[in-house]
Amino acid sequence: MQTPLSRRDLLGLLAGLSLTVATACVGEDAHDQAERYCAAMVAPLRKNAALAQAFLEFAAAVKRAPLPEDDLGRRFEQAILPPAKELAADAAAVVAEGALAEPHAALAGAWADRAAAYEAMFKAWSSGDVEAFELAAERHNKAKDAEHDAITALNVQLLPFGLKLDHLPNQTG
């Protein structure tokens, strides 16, 4: 023979059910936030890949072609600086919520630091200041490391939702 549930037992079951429903809703909210974040990051990540390619092409041009320094400086100023600054601004404009906020702020900071490093590299190149150029190049490398760490931290947060940021996505895809 079954005994009826006491009022206390019934309230306990309802409280547990409410907690389960509330947790599921929070999980859905976090999943929605993660999906929105990944969607918002598609364009900045593509710009980042294009900037990386432009930087590699510039470095290759420096090594292979005996271009006048003014031409190299102008090429750097036109091909590297504007997209780096634009990428930093785009990253700062992306809204990252919850657990994504802190690692995204680190990524946006890394991209801003890299843009500043490129600016410092250009100024040092233009003035012929080798020491300043080396310091700016070191700053660039630190920003690159910070970028990697931030994307790794973001992907750790995105993993439970089956999502991932592609560090260097296909330009056309």
Protein backbone atom coordinates (compact mmCIF):
# COMPACT_ATOMS: atom_id res chain seq x y z
CA MET A 1 0.00 0.00 0.00
CA GLN A 2 1.35 3.36 -0.97
CA THR A 3 1.24 6.19 1.48
CA PRO A 4 0.35 9.64 0.29
CA LEU A 5 3.13 12.16 0.09
CA SER A 6 3.35 14.49 2.98
CA ARG A 7 3.15 18.21 2.34
CA ARG A 8 6.86 18.48 3.17
CA ASP A 9 7.76 15.71 0.69
CA LEU A 10 5.64 17.33 -1.99
CA LEU A 11 7.25 20.74 -1.41
CA GLY A 12 10.69 19.12 -1.55
CA LEU A 13 9.88 17.49 -4.89
CA LEU A 14 8.52 20.75 -6.29
CA ALA A 15 11.58 22.66 -5.10
CA GLY A 16 13.85 20.09 -6.76
CA LEU A 17 11.83 20.29 -9.97
CA SER A 18 11.98 24.10 -9.90
CA LEU A 19 15.75 23.98 -9.42
CA THR A 20 16.09 21.57 -12.35
CA VAL A 21 14.00 23.81 -14.61
CA ALA A 22 15.90 26.92 -13.50
CA THR A 23 19.24 25.21 -14.13
CA ALA A 24 18.12 24.10 -17.58
CA CYS A 25 17.08 27.66 -18.40
CA VAL A 26 20.41 29.03 -17.24
CA GLY A 27 22.14 26.37 -19.34
CA GLU A 28 20.08 27.39 -22.36
CA ASP A 29 20.92 31.05 -21.74
CA ALA A 30 24.63 30.24 -21.53
CA HIS A 31 24.39 28.16 -24.72
CA ASP A 32 22.58 31.00 -26.50
CA GLN A 33 25.24 33.45 -25.27
CA ALA A 34 27.98 31.16 -26.56
CA GLU A 35 26.30 30.81 -29.96
CA ARG A 36 25.78 34.58 -30.24
CA TYR A 37 29.39 35.17 -29.28
CA CYS A 38 30.72 32.72 -31.86
CA ALA A 39 28.54 34.29 -34.54
CA ALA A 40 29.77 37.77 -33.59
CA MET A 41 33.39 36.61 -33.77
CA VAL A 42 33.26 35.20 -37.32
CA ALA A 43 34.08 38.51 -39.02
CA PRO A 44 36.82 39.57 -36.55
CA LEU A 45 38.49 36.17 -36.81
CA ARG A 46 38.46 36.40 -40.60
CA LYS A 47 39.97 39.89 -40.37
CA ASN A 48 42.58 38.49 -38.00
CA ALA A 49 43.46 35.76 -40.52
CA ALA A 50 43.69 38.35 -43.31
CA LEU A 51 45.92 40.54 -41.14
CA ALA A 52 48.18 37.58 -40.34
CA GLN A 53 48.45 36.84 -44.06
CA ALA A 54 49.20 40.49 -44.88
CA PHE A 55 51.91 40.56 -42.21
CA LEU A 56 53.51 37.38 -43.58
CA GLU A 57 53.40 38.76 -47.11
CA PHE A 58 55.01 41.99 -45.92
CA ALA A 59 57.75 40.07 -44.11
CA ALA A 60 58.38 38.00 -47.24
CA ALA A 61 58.58 41.17 -49.35
CA VAL A 62 61.15 42.63 -46.97
CA LYS A 63 63.32 39.52 -47.29
CA ARG A 64 63.08 38.94 -51.03
CA ALA A 65 62.78 42.34 -52.68
CA PRO A 66 65.30 45.14 -52.57
CA LEU A 67 62.57 47.78 -52.25
CA PRO A 68 63.45 51.26 -51.04
CA GLU A 69 62.78 51.73 -47.34
CA ASP A 70 60.17 54.39 -48.09
CA ASP A 71 58.23 51.89 -50.20
CA LEU A 72 58.40 49.29 -47.45
CA GLY A 73 57.26 51.79 -44.84
CA ARG A 74 54.38 52.94 -47.03
CA ARG A 75 53.37 49.34 -47.69
CA PHE A 76 53.40 48.57 -43.94
CA GLU A 77 51.46 51.74 -43.20
CA GLN A 78 48.78 50.88 -45.75
CA ALA A 79 48.53 47.10 -45.52
CA ILE A 80 49.10 46.44 -41.82
CA LEU A 81 48.19 49.43 -39.65
CA PRO A 82 44.58 50.09 -40.76
CA PRO A 83 43.40 46.47 -40.55
CA ALA A 84 45.11 46.01 -37.16
CA LYS A 85 43.39 49.08 -35.74
CA GLU A 86 40.07 48.04 -37.28
CA LEU A 87 40.38 44.55 -35.81
CA ALA A 88 41.08 45.96 -32.35
CA ALA A 89 38.00 48.19 -32.61
CA ASP A 90 35.84 45.33 -33.89
CA ALA A 91 36.91 43.07 -31.03
CA ALA A 92 36.19 45.78 -28.48
CA ALA A 93 32.67 46.12 -29.92
CA VAL A 94 31.80 42.43 -29.52
CA VAL A 95 29.61 41.72 -26.51
CA ALA A 96 30.79 38.72 -24.52
CA GLU A 97 28.64 37.64 -21.61
CA GLY A 98 29.09 35.40 -18.62
CA ALA A 99 32.16 33.19 -18.57
CA LEU A 100 33.19 34.48 -22.01
CA ALA A 101 33.57 38.10 -20.86
CA GLU A 102 36.99 37.79 -19.22
CA PRO A 103 38.78 35.78 -21.91
CA HIS A 104 37.21 37.96 -24.61
CA ALA A 105 38.51 41.08 -22.86
CA ALA A 106 41.95 39.45 -22.90
CA LEU A 107 41.62 38.76 -26.64
CA ALA A 108 40.45 42.29 -27.39
CA GLY A 109 43.35 43.59 -25.29
CA ALA A 110 45.82 41.38 -27.16
CA TRP A 111 44.57 42.66 -30.51
CA ALA A 112 44.74 46.26 -29.28
CA ASP A 113 48.29 45.64 -28.02
CA ARG A 114 49.25 44.14 -31.36
CA ALA A 115 47.86 47.18 -33.21
CA ALA A 116 49.87 49.44 -30.90
CA ALA A 117 52.96 47.29 -31.46
CA TYR A 118 52.54 47.60 -35.23
CA GLU A 119 52.21 51.37 -34.86
CA ALA A 120 55.39 51.45 -32.76
CA MET A 121 57.18 49.23 -35.30
CA PHE A 122 56.19 51.60 -38.09
CA LYS A 123 57.36 54.68 -36.17
CA ALA A 124 60.65 53.00 -35.26
CA TRP A 125 61.15 51.87 -38.87
CA SER A 126 60.39 55.36 -40.16
CA SER A 127 62.84 56.98 -37.77
CA GLY A 128 65.53 54.31 -38.17
CA ASP A 129 65.45 53.49 -34.45
CA VAL A 130 66.60 49.86 -34.32
CA GLU A 131 66.24 49.56 -30.54
CA ALA A 132 62.67 50.89 -30.59
CA PHE A 133 61.85 48.53 -33.46
CA GLU A 134 63.15 45.54 -31.50
CA LEU A 135 61.09 46.58 -28.45
CA ALA A 136 58.00 46.93 -30.62
CA ALA A 137 58.66 43.54 -32.21
CA GLU A 138 58.93 42.03 -28.73
CA ARG A 139 55.63 43.69 -27.79
CA HIS A 140 54.12 42.19 -30.95
CA ASN A 141 55.29 38.72 -29.93
CA LYS A 142 53.82 39.13 -26.44
CA ALA A 143 50.51 40.21 -27.96
CA LYS A 144 50.58 37.16 -30.22
CA ASP A 145 51.13 34.91 -27.18
CA ALA A 146 48.32 36.68 -25.29
CA GLU A 147 46.04 36.20 -28.31
CA HIS A 148 46.77 32.47 -28.33
CA ASP A 149 46.15 32.19 -24.57
CA ALA A 150 42.87 34.13 -24.83
CA ILE A 151 41.55 32.03 -27.72
CA THR A 152 42.48 28.88 -25.81
CA ALA A 153 40.61 30.18 -22.74
CA LEU A 154 37.59 31.07 -24.88
CA ASN A 155 37.56 27.61 -26.44
CA VAL A 156 37.68 26.02 -22.98
CA GLN A 157 34.51 27.98 -22.13
CA LEU A 158 32.87 27.10 -25.47
CA LEU A 159 33.71 23.38 -25.35
CA PRO A 160 30.73 22.33 -23.16
CA PHE A 161 28.42 23.76 -25.83
CA GLY A 162 30.16 21.97 -28.70
CA LEU A 163 31.49 25.28 -30.04
CA LYS A 164 34.96 26.49 -30.91
CA LEU A 165 36.62 29.61 -32.29
CA ASP A 166 38.71 28.89 -35.34
CA HIS A 167 41.89 30.90 -34.79
CA LEU A 168 42.65 31.27 -38.50
CA PRO A 169 39.42 30.57 -40.38
CA ASN A 170 39.17 30.10 -44.11
CA GLN A 171 38.87 33.51 -45.74
CA THR A 172 36.09 32.46 -48.08
CA GLY A 173 34.10 30.12 -45.87
